[in-house]
PDB file of N, CA and C in Angstrom:
ATOM      1  N   MET A   1      13.655  -3.772   7.199  1.00  0.00           N
ATOM      2  CA  MET A   1      13.323  -2.144   6.683  1.00  0.00           C
ATOM      3  C   MET A   1      13.356  -1.398   7.453  1.00  0.00           C
ATOM      4  N   GLY A   2      14.063  -0.089   8.093  1.00  0.00           N
ATOM      5  CA  GLY A   2      13.878   0.768   8.967  1.00  0.00           C
ATOM      6  C   GLY A   2      12.434   1.427   8.122  1.00  0.00           C
ATOM      7  N   SER A   3      11.650   2.271   9.382  1.00  0.00           N
ATOM      8  CA  SER A   3      10.949   3.522   8.642  1.00  0.00           C
ATOM      9  C   SER A   3      11.720   4.321   7.931  1.00  0.00           C
ATOM     10  N   SER A   4      13.459   4.710   7.612  1.00  0.00           N
ATOM     11  CA  SER A   4      13.746   5.684   6.679  1.00  0.00           C
ATOM     12  C   SER A   4      13.366   5.719   5.490  1.00  0.00           C
ATOM     13  N   TRP A   5      12.703   4.089   5.090  1.00  0.00           N
ATOM     14  CA  TRP A   5      12.305   3.732   3.708  1.00  0.00           C
ATOM     15  C   TRP A   5      10.379   4.291   3.244  1.00  0.00           C
ATOM     16  N   ALA A   6       9.909   4.989   4.345  1.00  0.00           N
ATOM     17  CA  ALA A   6       8.337   5.508   4.501  1.00  0.00           C
ATOM     18  C   ALA A   6       8.493   6.199   3.066  1.00  0.00           C
ATOM     19  N   SER A   7       9.660   7.521   3.080  1.00  0.00           N
ATOM     20  CA  SER A   7       9.188   8.498   1.862  1.00  0.00           C
ATOM     21  C   SER A   7       9.503   7.957   0.242  1.00  0.00           C
ATOM     22  N   TRP A   8      10.814   6.844   0.599  1.00  0.00           N
ATOM     23  CA  TRP A   8      10.937   6.130  -0.415  1.00  0.00           C
ATOM     24  C   TRP A   8       9.199   5.273  -1.321  1.00  0.00           C
ATOM     25  N   PHE A   9       8.600   4.731  -0.597  1.00  0.00           N
ATOM     26  CA  PHE A   9       7.683   3.713  -0.488  1.00  0.00           C
ATOM     27  C   PHE A   9       6.249   5.081  -0.295  1.00  0.00           C
ATOM     28  N   GLU A  10       6.380   6.338  -0.884  1.00  0.00           N
ATOM     29  CA  GLU A  10       5.070   7.142  -1.488  1.00  0.00           C
ATOM     30  C   GLU A  10       4.701   7.106  -0.044  1.00  0.00           C
ATOM     31  N   GLY A  11       5.100   7.488   1.347  1.00  0.00           N
ATOM     32  CA  GLY A  11       4.963   7.574   2.685  1.00  0.00           C
ATOM     33  C   GLY A  11       4.172   6.819   3.365  1.00  0.00           C
ATOM     34  N   MET A  12       4.229   5.877   2.778  1.00  0.00           N
ATOM     35  CA  MET A  12       3.249   4.472   3.588  1.00  0.00           C
ATOM     36  C   MET A  12       4.250   4.285   4.756  1.00  0.00           C
ATOM     37  N   THR A  13       3.051   3.391   5.793  1.00  0.00           N
ATOM     38  CA  THR A  13       3.831   3.081   7.253  1.00  0.00           C
ATOM     39  C   THR A  13       4.161   1.904   6.849  1.00  0.00           C
ATOM     40  N   ILE A  14       5.387   1.701   7.776  1.00  0.00           N
ATOM     41  CA  ILE A  14       6.237   0.522   7.461  1.00  0.00           C
ATOM     42  C   ILE A  14       5.854  -0.058   9.273  1.00  0.00           C
ATOM     43  N   ARG A  15       5.548  -1.204   9.263  1.00  0.00           N
ATOM     44  CA  ARG A  15       4.874  -1.929  10.464  1.00  0.00           C
ATOM     45  C   ARG A  15       5.763  -3.152  10.357  1.00  0.00           C
ATOM     46  N   HIS A  16       6.505  -3.334  11.119  1.00  0.00           N
ATOM     47  CA  HIS A  16       7.220  -4.839  11.361  1.00  0.00           C
ATOM     48  C   HIS A  16       6.320  -5.609  12.305  1.00  0.00           C
ATOM     49  N   GLU A  17       5.830  -7.087  11.801  1.00  0.00           N
ATOM     50  CA  GLU A  17       4.622  -8.432  12.469  1.00  0.00           C
ATOM     51  C   GLU A  17       5.716  -8.707  13.192  1.00  0.00           C
ATOM     52  N   GLU A  18       5.191 -10.044  14.493  1.00  0.00           N
ATOM     53  CA  GLU A  18       5.952 -10.476  14.847  1.00  0.00           C
ATOM     54  C   GLU A  18       6.558 -11.707  14.419  1.00  0.00           C
ATOM     55  N   SER A  19       5.738 -12.100  13.543  1.00  0.00           N
ATOM     56  CA  SER A  19       6.029 -13.297  12.019  1.00  0.00           C
ATOM     57  C   SER A  19       6.995 -13.034  11.338  1.00  0.00           C
ATOM     58  N   GLY A  20       8.047 -11.737  11.344  1.00  0.00           N
ATOM     59  CA  GLY A  20       9.118 -11.307  10.673  1.00  0.00           C
ATOM     60  C   GLY A  20       8.574 -10.732   9.186  1.00  0.00           C
ATOM     61  N   GLN A  21       7.243 -10.773   9.049  1.00  0.00           N
ATOM     62  CA  GLN A  21       7.028  -9.907   7.915  1.00  0.00           C
ATOM     63  C   GLN A  21       6.924  -8.692   8.360  1.00  0.00           C
ATOM     64  N   THR A  22       7.479  -7.700   6.817  1.00  0.00           N
ATOM     65  CA  THR A  22       6.878  -5.971   6.930  1.00  0.00           C
ATOM     66  C   THR A  22       5.775  -5.650   6.296  1.00  0.00           C
ATOM     67  N   ALA A  23       4.806  -5.303   6.830  1.00  0.00           N
ATOM     68  CA  ALA A  23       3.382  -4.321   6.257  1.00  0.00           C
ATOM     69  C   ALA A  23       3.887  -3.079   5.930  1.00  0.00           C
ATOM     70  N   LEU A  24       3.260  -2.957   4.162  1.00  0.00           N
ATOM     71  CA  LEU A  24       2.988  -1.377   4.622  1.00  0.00           C
ATOM     72  C   LEU A  24       1.626  -1.033   3.818  1.00  0.00           C
ATOM     73  N   THR A  25       1.805  -0.084   4.844  1.00  0.00           N
ATOM     74  CA  THR A  25      -0.141   0.637   4.868  1.00  0.00           C
ATOM     75  C   THR A  25      -0.128   2.212   4.981  1.00  0.00           C
ATOM     76  N   GLY A  26      -1.283   1.995   4.064  1.00  0.00           N
ATOM     77  CA  GLY A  26      -1.656   3.655   3.475  1.00  0.00           C
ATOM     78  C   GLY A  26      -2.052   3.597   2.610  1.00  0.00           C
ATOM     79  N   PRO A  27      -2.661   5.426   2.051  1.00  0.00           N
ATOM     80  CA  PRO A  27      -3.605   5.115   1.254  1.00  0.00           C
ATOM     81  C   PRO A  27      -2.842   5.362  -0.442  1.00  0.00           C
ATOM     82  N   LEU A  28      -2.979   5.238  -1.265  1.00  0.00           N
ATOM     83  CA  LEU A  28      -2.585   5.529  -2.628  1.00  0.00           C
ATOM     84  C   LEU A  28      -3.478   6.394  -3.151  1.00  0.00           C
ATOM     85  N   PRO A  29      -2.931   7.627  -4.068  1.00  0.00           N
ATOM     86  CA  PRO A  29      -3.791   8.365  -4.885  1.00  0.00           C
ATOM     87  C   PRO A  29      -4.977   7.662  -5.977  1.00  0.00           C
ATOM     88  N   ASP A  30      -3.526   6.729  -6.687  1.00  0.00           N
ATOM     89  CA  ASP A  30      -4.221   5.939  -7.824  1.00  0.00           C
ATOM     90  C   ASP A  30      -3.137   4.789  -8.492  1.00  0.00           C
ATOM     91  N   GLU A  31      -4.213   4.127  -8.861  1.00  0.00           N
ATOM     92  CA  GLU A  31      -3.423   2.931 -10.046  1.00  0.00           C
ATOM     93  C   GLU A  31      -1.925   3.149 -10.067  1.00  0.00           C
ATOM     94  N   PRO A  32      -1.265   4.344 -10.506  1.00  0.00           N
ATOM     95  CA  PRO A  32       0.135   4.598 -11.198  1.00  0.00           C
ATOM     96  C   PRO A  32       0.431   4.427  -9.808  1.00  0.00           C
ATOM     97  N   ALA A  33      -0.022   5.207  -8.690  1.00  0.00           N
ATOM     98  CA  ALA A  33       1.086   4.720  -7.438  1.00  0.00           C
ATOM     99  C   ALA A  33       1.354   3.660  -6.499  1.00  0.00           C
ATOM    100  N   LEU A  34      -0.002   2.785  -7.241  1.00  0.00           N
ATOM    101  CA  LEU A  34       0.523   1.393  -6.639  1.00  0.00           C
ATOM    102  C   LEU A  34       1.229   0.542  -7.493  1.00  0.00           C
ATOM    103  N   TYR A  35       1.231   0.696  -8.997  1.00  0.00           N
ATOM    104  CA  TYR A  35       2.112  -0.175  -9.757  1.00  0.00           C
ATOM    105  C   TYR A  35       3.781   0.582  -9.212  1.00  0.00           C
ATOM    106  N   GLY A  36       3.685   1.865  -9.279  1.00  0.00           N
ATOM    107  CA  GLY A  36       4.796   2.412  -8.600  1.00  0.00           C
ATOM    108  C   GLY A  36       5.937   2.136  -7.653  1.00  0.00           C
ATOM    109  N   VAL A  37       4.439   1.615  -6.342  1.00  0.00           N
ATOM    110  CA  VAL A  37       4.979   0.679  -4.986  1.00  0.00           C
ATOM    111  C   VAL A  37       5.656  -0.997  -5.049  1.00  0.00           C
ATOM    112  N   LEU A  38       4.573  -1.312  -6.204  1.00  0.00           N
ATOM    113  CA  LEU A  38       4.647  -2.711  -6.749  1.00  0.00           C
ATOM    114  C   LEU A  38       6.446  -2.945  -7.416  1.00  0.00           C
ATOM    115  N   ALA A  39       6.394  -2.059  -8.385  1.00  0.00           N
ATOM    116  CA  ALA A  39       7.767  -1.635  -8.783  1.00  0.00           C
ATOM    117  C   ALA A  39       8.879  -1.693  -7.942  1.00  0.00           C
ATOM    118  N   LYS A  40       8.381  -0.779  -7.070  1.00  0.00           N
ATOM    119  CA  LYS A  40      10.129  -0.630  -5.676  1.00  0.00           C
ATOM    120  C   LYS A  40      10.704  -2.121  -5.076  1.00  0.00           C
ATOM    121  N   ILE A  41       9.104  -3.161  -4.572  1.00  0.00           N
ATOM    122  CA  ILE A  41       9.294  -4.092  -4.195  1.00  0.00           C
ATOM    123  C   ILE A  41      10.019  -4.803  -4.810  1.00  0.00           C
ATOM    124  N   ARG A  42       9.720  -4.998  -6.356  1.00  0.00           N
ATOM    125  CA  ARG A  42       9.838  -6.148  -7.279  1.00  0.00           C
ATOM    126  C   ARG A  42      11.105  -5.561  -7.163  1.00  0.00           C
ATOM    127  N   ASP A  43      11.975  -4.224  -7.656  1.00  0.00           N
ATOM    128  CA  ASP A  43      13.241  -4.297  -7.766  1.00  0.00           C
ATOM    129  C   ASP A  43      14.224  -4.028  -6.310  1.00  0.00           C
ATOM    130  N   LEU A  44      13.808  -4.106  -5.182  1.00  0.00           N
ATOM    131  CA  LEU A  44      14.896  -4.648  -4.558  1.00  0.00           C
ATOM    132  C   LEU A  44      14.427  -5.974  -3.918  1.00  0.00           C
ATOM    133  N   GLY A  45      13.835  -6.640  -4.822  1.00  0.00           N
ATOM    134  CA  GLY A  45      13.771  -8.022  -4.764  1.00  0.00           C
ATOM    135  C   GLY A  45      13.175  -8.405  -3.995  1.00  0.00           C
ATOM    136  N   LEU A  46      12.425  -7.825  -3.013  1.00  0.00           N
ATOM    137  CA  LEU A  46      11.692  -8.823  -1.823  1.00  0.00           C
ATOM    138  C   LEU A  46      10.395  -9.128  -2.427  1.00  0.00           C
ATOM    139  N   PRO A  47       9.971 -10.442  -1.411  1.00  0.00           N
ATOM    140  CA  PRO A  47       8.793 -11.326  -1.528  1.00  0.00           C
ATOM    141  C   PRO A  47       7.571 -10.701  -1.149  1.00  0.00           C
ATOM    142  N   LEU A  48       6.554 -10.635  -2.478  1.00  0.00           N
ATOM    143  CA  LEU A  48       5.246  -9.782  -2.207  1.00  0.00           C
ATOM    144  C   LEU A  48       4.635 -11.104  -1.300  1.00  0.00           C
ATOM    145  N   VAL A  49       4.154 -11.092  -0.411  1.00  0.00           N
ATOM    146  CA  VAL A  49       3.080 -11.993   0.193  1.00  0.00           C
ATOM    147  C   VAL A  49       1.874 -11.564  -0.202  1.00  0.00           C
ATOM    148  N   GLU A  50       1.157 -10.307   0.165  1.00  0.00           N
ATOM    149  CA  GLU A  50      -0.344 -10.179   0.234  1.00  0.00           C
ATOM    150  C   GLU A  50      -0.461  -8.386  -0.284  1.00  0.00           C
ATOM    151  N   VAL A  51      -1.522  -8.252  -1.316  1.00  0.00           N
ATOM    152  CA  VAL A  51      -2.043  -6.915  -1.444  1.00  0.00           C
ATOM    153  C   VAL A  51      -3.441  -7.072  -1.363  1.00  0.00           C
ATOM    154  N   LYS A  52      -4.051  -5.954  -0.622  1.00  0.00           N
ATOM    155  CA  LYS A  52      -5.385  -6.114   0.106  1.00  0.00           C
ATOM    156  C   LYS A  52      -5.974  -4.260  -0.380  1.00  0.00           C
ATOM    157  N   ARG A  53      -7.056  -4.243  -1.020  1.00  0.00           N
ATOM    158  CA  ARG A  53      -7.475  -3.459  -0.618  1.00  0.00           C
ATOM    159  C   ARG A  53      -8.638  -2.802   0.462  1.00  0.00           C
ATOM    160  N   LEU A  54      -8.339  -1.999   1.608  1.00  0.00           N
ATOM    161  CA  LEU A  54      -9.088  -1.587   2.553  1.00  0.00           C
ATOM    162  C   LEU A  54     -10.021  -1.042   2.486  1.00  0.00           C
ATOM    163  N   ALA A  55     -11.199  -1.402   2.615  1.00  0.00           N
ATOM    164  CA  ALA A  55     -12.287   0.007   2.204  1.00  0.00           C
ATOM    165  C   ALA A  55     -12.167   1.487   3.371  1.00  0.00           C
ATOM    166  N   THR A  56     -12.506   2.359   2.462  1.00  0.00           N
ATOM    167  CA  THR A  56     -12.981   3.803   3.838  1.00  0.00           C
ATOM    168  C   THR A  56     -13.891   3.829   3.053  1.00  0.00           C
ATOM    169  N   GLU A  57     -14.538   4.853   4.471  1.00  0.00           N
ATOM    170  CA  GLU A  57     -15.551   5.331   4.547  1.00  0.00           C
ATOM    171  C   GLU A  57     -15.685   5.867   3.303  1.00  0.00           C
ATOM    172  N   VAL A  58     -15.222   7.231   2.886  1.00  0.00           N
ATOM    173  CA  VAL A  58     -14.929   7.784   1.670  1.00  0.00           C
ATOM    174  C   VAL A  58     -15.656   6.623  -0.009  1.00  0.00           C
ATOM    175  N   SER A  59     -14.669   5.403  -0.034  1.00  0.00           N
ATOM    176  CA  SER A  59     -14.680   5.006  -1.405  1.00  0.00           C
ATOM    177  C   SER A  59     -15.949   4.115  -0.835  1.00  0.00           C
ATOM    178  N   ILE A  60     -16.990   3.799  -0.144  1.00  0.00           N
ATOM    179  CA  ILE A  60     -17.682   2.803   0.716  1.00  0.00           C
ATOM    180  C   ILE A  60     -19.354   4.191  -0.337  1.00  0.00           C
ATOM    181  N   THR A  61     -19.213   4.648   0.472  1.00  0.00           N
ATOM    182  CA  THR A  61     -19.765   5.976   0.107  1.00  0.00           C
ATOM    183  C   THR A  61     -20.598   6.098  -1.318  1.00  0.00           C
ATOM    184  N   ASP A  62     -19.257   6.351  -2.023  1.00  0.00           N
ATOM    185  CA  ASP A  62     -18.644   6.487  -3.482  1.00  0.00           C
ATOM    186  C   ASP A  62     -19.347   5.281  -4.435  1.00  0.00           C
ATOM    187  N   GLU A  63     -19.133   3.882  -3.732  1.00  0.00           N
ATOM    188  CA  GLU A  63     -19.296   2.757  -4.709  1.00  0.00           C
ATOM    189  C   GLU A  63     -21.465   2.967  -4.333  1.00  0.00           C
ATOM    190  N   LYS A  64     -21.929   3.315  -3.462  1.00  0.00           N
ATOM    191  CA  LYS A  64     -22.945   3.631  -2.946  1.00  0.00           C
ATOM    192  C   LYS A  64     -23.964   4.000  -4.287  1.00  0.00           C
ATOM    193  N   GLU A  65     -23.422   5.553  -4.037  1.00  0.00           N
ATOM    194  CA  GLU A  65     -24.188   6.273  -4.987  1.00  0.00           C
ATOM    195  C   GLU A  65     -23.467   6.190  -6.691  1.00  0.00           C
ATOM    196  N   GLY A  66     -22.596   4.915  -6.567  1.00  0.00           N
ATOM    197  CA  GLY A  66     -22.607   4.386  -8.664  1.00  0.00           C
ATOM    198  C   GLY A  66     -21.070   5.076  -8.576  1.00  0.00           C
ATOM    199  N   SER A  67     -20.250   5.761  -7.979  1.00  0.00           N
ATOM    200  CA  SER A  67     -19.563   6.271  -8.756  1.00  0.00           C
ATOM    201  C   SER A  67     -17.997   5.827  -8.425  1.00  0.00           C
ATOM    202  N   ALA A  68     -16.788   5.761  -9.456  1.00  0.00           N
ATOM    203  CA  ALA A  68     -15.863   4.463  -9.254  1.00  0.00           C
ATOM    204  C   ALA A  68     -15.078   5.936  -8.862  1.00  0.00           C
ATOM    205  N   THR A  69     -14.394   4.666  -7.628  1.00  0.00           N
ATOM    206  CA  THR A  69     -13.073   5.234  -7.371  1.00  0.00           C
ATOM    207  C   THR A  69     -11.635   4.911  -7.594  1.00  0.00           C
TER     208      THR A  69
END
């Protein structure tokens, strides 16, 4: 998958790993955007190996203050 697919995947960064896997990284504004990306992966017939939420300084701060992100 080339970098030209980035706009199709909500502008996420496409990185090719040495293992031969491709990683999509980047922020998504909300759950519907995440489900949209997951649907595109499914529709292309790509195997999904892992989904991981990475904490950001903003979300950590918000969680400490008790607000949902």
